[in-house]
Amino acid sequence: MAKVEAELKKELAVALYRRGVLPLGKARLLAEMTRWQFEETLAERQVPRNYTESDLDDDIRYALDRR
């Protein structure tokens, strides 16, 4: 049953992200996946990534903080 529940959460998260209802971070939390796992799932399904300038700023800040 857990496997079915995990798959349903992933499907719902991808669908809501695709429709623009959930941002990437919220969608991946719903799917209970890491950011990279969720982005890989989006790529496999050819779902375009909504990557904004704000997302870029967040990624740069994160990378600089990790040094």
PDB file of N, CA and C in Angstrom:
ATOM      1  N   MET A   1       0.819  -1.198   0.000  1.00  0.00           N
ATOM      2  CA  MET A   1       0.000   0.000   0.000  1.00  0.00           C
ATOM      3  C   MET A   1       0.861   1.260   0.000  1.00  0.00           C
ATOM      4  N   ALA A   2       1.971   1.239   0.708  1.00  0.00           N
ATOM      5  CA  ALA A   2       2.850   2.411   0.775  1.00  0.00           C
ATOM      6  C   ALA A   2       3.384   2.774  -0.608  1.00  0.00           C
ATOM      7  N   LYS A   3       3.654   1.764  -1.419  1.00  0.00           N
ATOM      8  CA  LYS A   3       4.175   2.019  -2.759  1.00  0.00           C
ATOM      9  C   LYS A   3       3.129   2.727  -3.627  1.00  0.00           C
ATOM     10  N   VAL A   4       1.893   2.296  -3.497  1.00  0.00           N
ATOM     11  CA  VAL A   4       0.801   2.916  -4.257  1.00  0.00           C
ATOM     12  C   VAL A   4       0.612   4.355  -3.795  1.00  0.00           C
ATOM     13  N   GLU A   5       0.643   4.589  -2.487  1.00  0.00           N
ATOM     14  CA  GLU A   5       0.484   5.934  -1.945  1.00  0.00           C
ATOM     15  C   GLU A   5       1.601   6.858  -2.424  1.00  0.00           C
ATOM     16  N   ALA A   6       2.830   6.362  -2.435  1.00  0.00           N
ATOM     17  CA  ALA A   6       3.971   7.159  -2.890  1.00  0.00           C
ATOM     18  C   ALA A   6       3.816   7.520  -4.365  1.00  0.00           C
ATOM     19  N   GLU A   7       3.361   6.570  -5.164  1.00  0.00           N
ATOM     20  CA  GLU A   7       3.177   6.819  -6.599  1.00  0.00           C
ATOM     21  C   GLU A   7       2.059   7.833  -6.841  1.00  0.00           C
ATOM     22  N   LEU A   8       0.981   7.732  -6.070  1.00  0.00           N
ATOM     23  CA  LEU A   8      -0.119   8.687  -6.207  1.00  0.00           C
ATOM     24  C   LEU A   8       0.318  10.098  -5.825  1.00  0.00           C
ATOM     25  N   LYS A   9       1.098  10.225  -4.769  1.00  0.00           N
ATOM     26  CA  LYS A   9       1.605  11.534  -4.356  1.00  0.00           C
ATOM     27  C   LYS A   9       2.494  12.128  -5.443  1.00  0.00           C
ATOM     28  N   LYS A  10       3.339  11.274  -6.029  1.00  0.00           N
ATOM     29  CA  LYS A  10       4.224  11.752  -7.092  1.00  0.00           C
ATOM     30  C   LYS A  10       3.417  12.216  -8.301  1.00  0.00           C
ATOM     31  N   GLU A  11       2.432  11.441  -8.701  1.00  0.00           N
ATOM     32  CA  GLU A  11       1.598  11.808  -9.849  1.00  0.00           C
ATOM     33  C   GLU A  11       0.851  13.111  -9.600  1.00  0.00           C
ATOM     34  N   LEU A  12       0.309  13.260  -8.398  1.00  0.00           N
ATOM     35  CA  LEU A  12      -0.415  14.475  -8.059  1.00  0.00           C
ATOM     36  C   LEU A  12       0.522  15.678  -8.064  1.00  0.00           C
ATOM     37  N   ALA A  13       1.698  15.510  -7.486  1.00  0.00           N
ATOM     38  CA  ALA A  13       2.670  16.602  -7.432  1.00  0.00           C
ATOM     39  C   ALA A  13       3.087  17.044  -8.837  1.00  0.00           C
ATOM     40  N   VAL A  14       3.351  16.102  -9.711  1.00  0.00           N
ATOM     41  CA  VAL A  14       3.746  16.433 -11.081  1.00  0.00           C
ATOM     42  C   VAL A  14       2.601  17.162 -11.796  1.00  0.00           C
ATOM     43  N   ALA A  15       1.394  16.664 -11.633  1.00  0.00           N
ATOM     44  CA  ALA A  15       0.242  17.286 -12.297  1.00  0.00           C
ATOM     45  C   ALA A  15       0.016  18.714 -11.795  1.00  0.00           C
ATOM     46  N   LEU A  16       0.107  18.909 -10.491  1.00  0.00           N
ATOM     47  CA  LEU A  16      -0.106  20.249  -9.933  1.00  0.00           C
ATOM     48  C   LEU A  16       1.016  21.198 -10.314  1.00  0.00           C
ATOM     49  N   TYR A  17       2.237  20.694 -10.392  1.00  0.00           N
ATOM     50  CA  TYR A  17       3.357  21.530 -10.834  1.00  0.00           C
ATOM     51  C   TYR A  17       3.163  21.915 -12.299  1.00  0.00           C
ATOM     52  N   ARG A  18       2.818  20.953 -13.123  1.00  0.00           N
ATOM     53  CA  ARG A  18       2.627  21.198 -14.558  1.00  0.00           C
ATOM     54  C   ARG A  18       1.565  22.268 -14.807  1.00  0.00           C
ATOM     55  N   ARG A  19       0.506  22.246 -14.001  1.00  0.00           N
ATOM     56  CA  ARG A  19      -0.586  23.220 -14.161  1.00  0.00           C
ATOM     57  C   ARG A  19      -0.274  24.555 -13.515  1.00  0.00           C
ATOM     58  N   GLY A  20       0.846  24.645 -12.795  1.00  0.00           N
ATOM     59  CA  GLY A  20       1.221  25.902 -12.166  1.00  0.00           C
ATOM     60  C   GLY A  20       0.536  26.145 -10.829  1.00  0.00           C
ATOM     61  N   VAL A  21      -0.093  25.113 -10.289  1.00  0.00           N
ATOM     62  CA  VAL A  21      -0.789  25.235  -9.011  1.00  0.00           C
ATOM     63  C   VAL A  21       0.208  25.233  -7.850  1.00  0.00           C
ATOM     64  N   LEU A  22       1.252  24.414  -7.968  1.00  0.00           N
ATOM     65  CA  LEU A  22       2.281  24.328  -6.930  1.00  0.00           C
ATOM     66  C   LEU A  22       3.634  24.707  -7.500  1.00  0.00           C
ATOM     67  N   PRO A  23       4.424  25.458  -6.736  1.00  0.00           N
ATOM     68  CA  PRO A  23       5.808  25.707  -7.150  1.00  0.00           C
ATOM     69  C   PRO A  23       6.633  24.436  -6.939  1.00  0.00           C
ATOM     70  N   LEU A  24       7.813  24.430  -7.480  1.00  0.00           N
ATOM     71  CA  LEU A  24       8.677  23.245  -7.427  1.00  0.00           C
ATOM     72  C   LEU A  24       8.885  22.745  -6.001  1.00  0.00           C
ATOM     73  N   GLY A  25       9.231  23.637  -5.095  1.00  0.00           N
ATOM     74  CA  GLY A  25       9.516  23.219  -3.723  1.00  0.00           C
ATOM     75  C   GLY A  25       8.343  22.536  -3.051  1.00  0.00           C
ATOM     76  N   LYS A  26       7.155  23.091  -3.206  1.00  0.00           N
ATOM     77  CA  LYS A  26       5.951  22.504  -2.596  1.00  0.00           C
ATOM     78  C   LYS A  26       5.590  21.186  -3.277  1.00  0.00           C
ATOM     79  N   ALA A  27       5.757  21.129  -4.589  1.00  0.00           N
ATOM     80  CA  ALA A  27       5.430  19.912  -5.325  1.00  0.00           C
ATOM     81  C   ALA A  27       6.354  18.770  -4.917  1.00  0.00           C
ATOM     82  N   ARG A  28       7.632  19.053  -4.778  1.00  0.00           N
ATOM     83  CA  ARG A  28       8.554  17.981  -4.394  1.00  0.00           C
ATOM     84  C   ARG A  28       8.322  17.526  -2.969  1.00  0.00           C
ATOM     85  N   LEU A  29       7.868  18.443  -2.094  1.00  0.00           N
ATOM     86  CA  LEU A  29       7.520  18.039  -0.731  1.00  0.00           C
ATOM     87  C   LEU A  29       6.296  17.133  -0.732  1.00  0.00           C
ATOM     88  N   LEU A  30       5.301  17.475  -1.551  1.00  0.00           N
ATOM     89  CA  LEU A  30       4.121  16.627  -1.679  1.00  0.00           C
ATOM     90  C   LEU A  30       4.519  15.233  -2.173  1.00  0.00           C
ATOM     91  N   ALA A  31       5.436  15.200  -3.128  1.00  0.00           N
ATOM     92  CA  ALA A  31       5.891  13.926  -3.696  1.00  0.00           C
ATOM     93  C   ALA A  31       6.835  13.175  -2.756  1.00  0.00           C
ATOM     94  N   GLU A  32       7.271  13.866  -1.690  1.00  0.00           N
ATOM     95  CA  GLU A  32       8.226  13.289  -0.739  1.00  0.00           C
ATOM     96  C   GLU A  32       9.499  12.833  -1.452  1.00  0.00           C
ATOM     97  N   MET A  33      10.030  13.737  -2.287  1.00  0.00           N
ATOM     98  CA  MET A  33      11.243  13.470  -3.051  1.00  0.00           C
ATOM     99  C   MET A  33      12.232  14.603  -2.807  1.00  0.00           C
ATOM    100  N   THR A  34      13.501  14.312  -3.051  1.00  0.00           N
ATOM    101  CA  THR A  34      14.479  15.396  -3.013  1.00  0.00           C
ATOM    102  C   THR A  34      14.246  16.279  -4.229  1.00  0.00           C
ATOM    103  N   ARG A  35      14.842  17.456  -4.193  1.00  0.00           N
ATOM    104  CA  ARG A  35      14.708  18.368  -5.328  1.00  0.00           C
ATOM    105  C   ARG A  35      15.214  17.704  -6.598  1.00  0.00           C
ATOM    106  N   TRP A  36      16.346  17.028  -6.483  1.00  0.00           N
ATOM    107  CA  TRP A  36      16.968  16.418  -7.663  1.00  0.00           C
ATOM    108  C   TRP A  36      16.141  15.260  -8.185  1.00  0.00           C
ATOM    109  N   GLN A  37      15.575  14.456  -7.292  1.00  0.00           N
ATOM    110  CA  GLN A  37      14.713  13.351  -7.721  1.00  0.00           C
ATOM    111  C   GLN A  37      13.482  13.889  -8.466  1.00  0.00           C
ATOM    112  N   PHE A  38      12.890  14.954  -7.905  1.00  0.00           N
ATOM    113  CA  PHE A  38      11.691  15.511  -8.523  1.00  0.00           C
ATOM    114  C   PHE A  38      12.018  16.138  -9.873  1.00  0.00           C
ATOM    115  N   GLU A  39      13.132  16.849  -9.946  1.00  0.00           N
ATOM    116  CA  GLU A  39      13.523  17.446 -11.231  1.00  0.00           C
ATOM    117  C   GLU A  39      13.815  16.365 -12.269  1.00  0.00           C
ATOM    118  N   GLU A  40      14.392  15.261 -11.842  1.00  0.00           N
ATOM    119  CA  GLU A  40      14.639  14.145 -12.764  1.00  0.00           C
ATOM    120  C   GLU A  40      13.308  13.574 -13.261  1.00  0.00           C
ATOM    121  N   THR A  41      12.348  13.454 -12.373  1.00  0.00           N
ATOM    122  CA  THR A  41      11.016  12.974 -12.754  1.00  0.00           C
ATOM    123  C   THR A  41      10.381  13.917 -13.768  1.00  0.00           C
ATOM    124  N   LEU A  42      10.501  15.228 -13.534  1.00  0.00           N
ATOM    125  CA  LEU A  42       9.965  16.206 -14.484  1.00  0.00           C
ATOM    126  C   LEU A  42      10.643  16.068 -15.846  1.00  0.00           C
ATOM    127  N   ALA A  43      11.952  15.895 -15.836  1.00  0.00           N
ATOM    128  CA  ALA A  43      12.691  15.753 -17.097  1.00  0.00           C
ATOM    129  C   ALA A  43      12.261  14.494 -17.850  1.00  0.00           C
ATOM    130  N   GLU A  44      12.108  13.390 -17.126  1.00  0.00           N
ATOM    131  CA  GLU A  44      11.683  12.138 -17.753  1.00  0.00           C
ATOM    132  C   GLU A  44      10.321  12.286 -18.430  1.00  0.00           C
ATOM    133  N   ARG A  45       9.466  13.110 -17.846  1.00  0.00           N
ATOM    134  CA  ARG A  45       8.118  13.316 -18.381  1.00  0.00           C
ATOM    135  C   ARG A  45       8.021  14.531 -19.290  1.00  0.00           C
ATOM    136  N   GLN A  46       9.158  15.148 -19.547  1.00  0.00           N
ATOM    137  CA  GLN A  46       9.253  16.327 -20.416  1.00  0.00           C
ATOM    138  C   GLN A  46       8.337  17.461 -19.957  1.00  0.00           C
ATOM    139  N   VAL A  47       8.326  17.655 -18.637  1.00  0.00           N
ATOM    140  CA  VAL A  47       7.572  18.768 -18.052  1.00  0.00           C
ATOM    141  C   VAL A  47       8.529  19.946 -17.972  1.00  0.00           C
ATOM    142  N   PRO A  48       8.202  21.060 -18.626  1.00  0.00           N
ATOM    143  CA  PRO A  48       9.102  22.214 -18.587  1.00  0.00           C
ATOM    144  C   PRO A  48       9.247  22.757 -17.172  1.00  0.00           C
ATOM    145  N   ARG A  49      10.451  23.168 -16.859  1.00  0.00           N
ATOM    146  CA  ARG A  49      10.754  23.716 -15.530  1.00  0.00           C
ATOM    147  C   ARG A  49      10.490  25.202 -15.543  1.00  0.00           C
ATOM    148  N   ASN A  50       9.731  25.675 -14.580  1.00  0.00           N
ATOM    149  CA  ASN A  50       9.459  27.103 -14.428  1.00  0.00           C
ATOM    150  C   ASN A  50      10.567  27.692 -13.572  1.00  0.00           C
ATOM    151  N   TYR A  51      11.658  28.062 -14.200  1.00  0.00           N
ATOM    152  CA  TYR A  51      12.840  28.546 -13.494  1.00  0.00           C
ATOM    153  C   TYR A  51      12.914  30.047 -13.652  1.00  0.00           C
ATOM    154  N   THR A  52      12.692  30.751 -12.554  1.00  0.00           N
ATOM    155  CA  THR A  52      12.636  32.212 -12.603  1.00  0.00           C
ATOM    156  C   THR A  52      13.974  32.818 -12.181  1.00  0.00           C
ATOM    157  N   GLU A  53      14.079  34.118 -12.355  1.00  0.00           N
ATOM    158  CA  GLU A  53      15.265  34.835 -11.910  1.00  0.00           C
ATOM    159  C   GLU A  53      15.411  34.710 -10.388  1.00  0.00           C
ATOM    160  N   SER A  54      14.301  34.687  -9.697  1.00  0.00           N
ATOM    161  CA  SER A  54      14.314  34.504  -8.244  1.00  0.00           C
ATOM    162  C   SER A  54      14.881  33.127  -7.877  1.00  0.00           C
ATOM    163  N   ASP A  55      14.513  32.095  -8.652  1.00  0.00           N
ATOM    164  CA  ASP A  55      15.057  30.753  -8.425  1.00  0.00           C
ATOM    165  C   ASP A  55      16.574  30.762  -8.600  1.00  0.00           C
ATOM    166  N   LEU A  56      17.044  31.467  -9.624  1.00  0.00           N
ATOM    167  CA  LEU A  56      18.477  31.567  -9.865  1.00  0.00           C
ATOM    168  C   LEU A  56      19.175  32.240  -8.688  1.00  0.00           C
ATOM    169  N   ASP A  57      18.597  33.321  -8.209  1.00  0.00           N
ATOM    170  CA  ASP A  57      19.169  34.005  -7.045  1.00  0.00           C
ATOM    171  C   ASP A  57      19.241  33.073  -5.837  1.00  0.00           C
ATOM    172  N   ASP A  58      18.177  32.319  -5.609  1.00  0.00           N
ATOM    173  CA  ASP A  58      18.165  31.360  -4.494  1.00  0.00           C
ATOM    174  C   ASP A  58      19.260  30.312  -4.657  1.00  0.00           C
ATOM    175  N   ASP A  59      19.420  29.803  -5.872  1.00  0.00           N
ATOM    176  CA  ASP A  59      20.439  28.779  -6.124  1.00  0.00           C
ATOM    177  C   ASP A  59      21.845  29.334  -5.919  1.00  0.00           C
ATOM    178  N   ILE A  60      22.076  30.557  -6.360  1.00  0.00           N
ATOM    179  CA  ILE A  60      23.399  31.170  -6.189  1.00  0.00           C
ATOM    180  C   ILE A  60      23.672  31.385  -4.708  1.00  0.00           C
ATOM    181  N   ARG A  61      22.689  31.899  -3.984  1.00  0.00           N
ATOM    182  CA  ARG A  61      22.849  32.105  -2.538  1.00  0.00           C
ATOM    183  C   ARG A  61      23.146  30.798  -1.825  1.00  0.00           C
ATOM    184  N   TYR A  62      22.424  29.754  -2.189  1.00  0.00           N
ATOM    185  CA  TYR A  62      22.627  28.430  -1.597  1.00  0.00           C
ATOM    186  C   TYR A  62      24.049  27.926  -1.881  1.00  0.00           C
ATOM    187  N   ALA A  63      24.484  28.055  -3.122  1.00  0.00           N
ATOM    188  CA  ALA A  63      25.827  27.591  -3.494  1.00  0.00           C
ATOM    189  C   ALA A  63      26.910  28.362  -2.740  1.00  0.00           C
ATOM    190  N   LEU A  64      26.743  29.654  -2.591  1.00  0.00           N
ATOM    191  CA  LEU A  64      27.727  30.461  -1.893  1.00  0.00           C
ATOM    192  C   LEU A  64      27.764  30.141  -0.404  1.00  0.00           C
ATOM    193  N   ASP A  65      26.617  29.832   0.176  1.00  0.00           N
ATOM    194  CA  ASP A  65      26.555  29.481   1.596  1.00  0.00           C
ATOM    195  C   ASP A  65      27.186  28.123   1.875  1.00  0.00           C
ATOM    196  N   ARG A  66      27.247  27.274   0.881  1.00  0.00           N
ATOM    197  CA  ARG A  66      27.791  25.916   1.053  1.00  0.00           C
ATOM    198  C   ARG A  66      29.311  25.895   1.048  1.00  0.00           C
ATOM    199  N   ARG A  67      29.949  27.012   0.675  1.00  0.00           N
ATOM    200  CA  ARG A  67      31.414  27.035   0.595  1.00  0.00           C
ATOM    201  C   ARG A  67      32.040  27.030   1.937  1.00  0.00           C
TER     202      ARG A  67
END
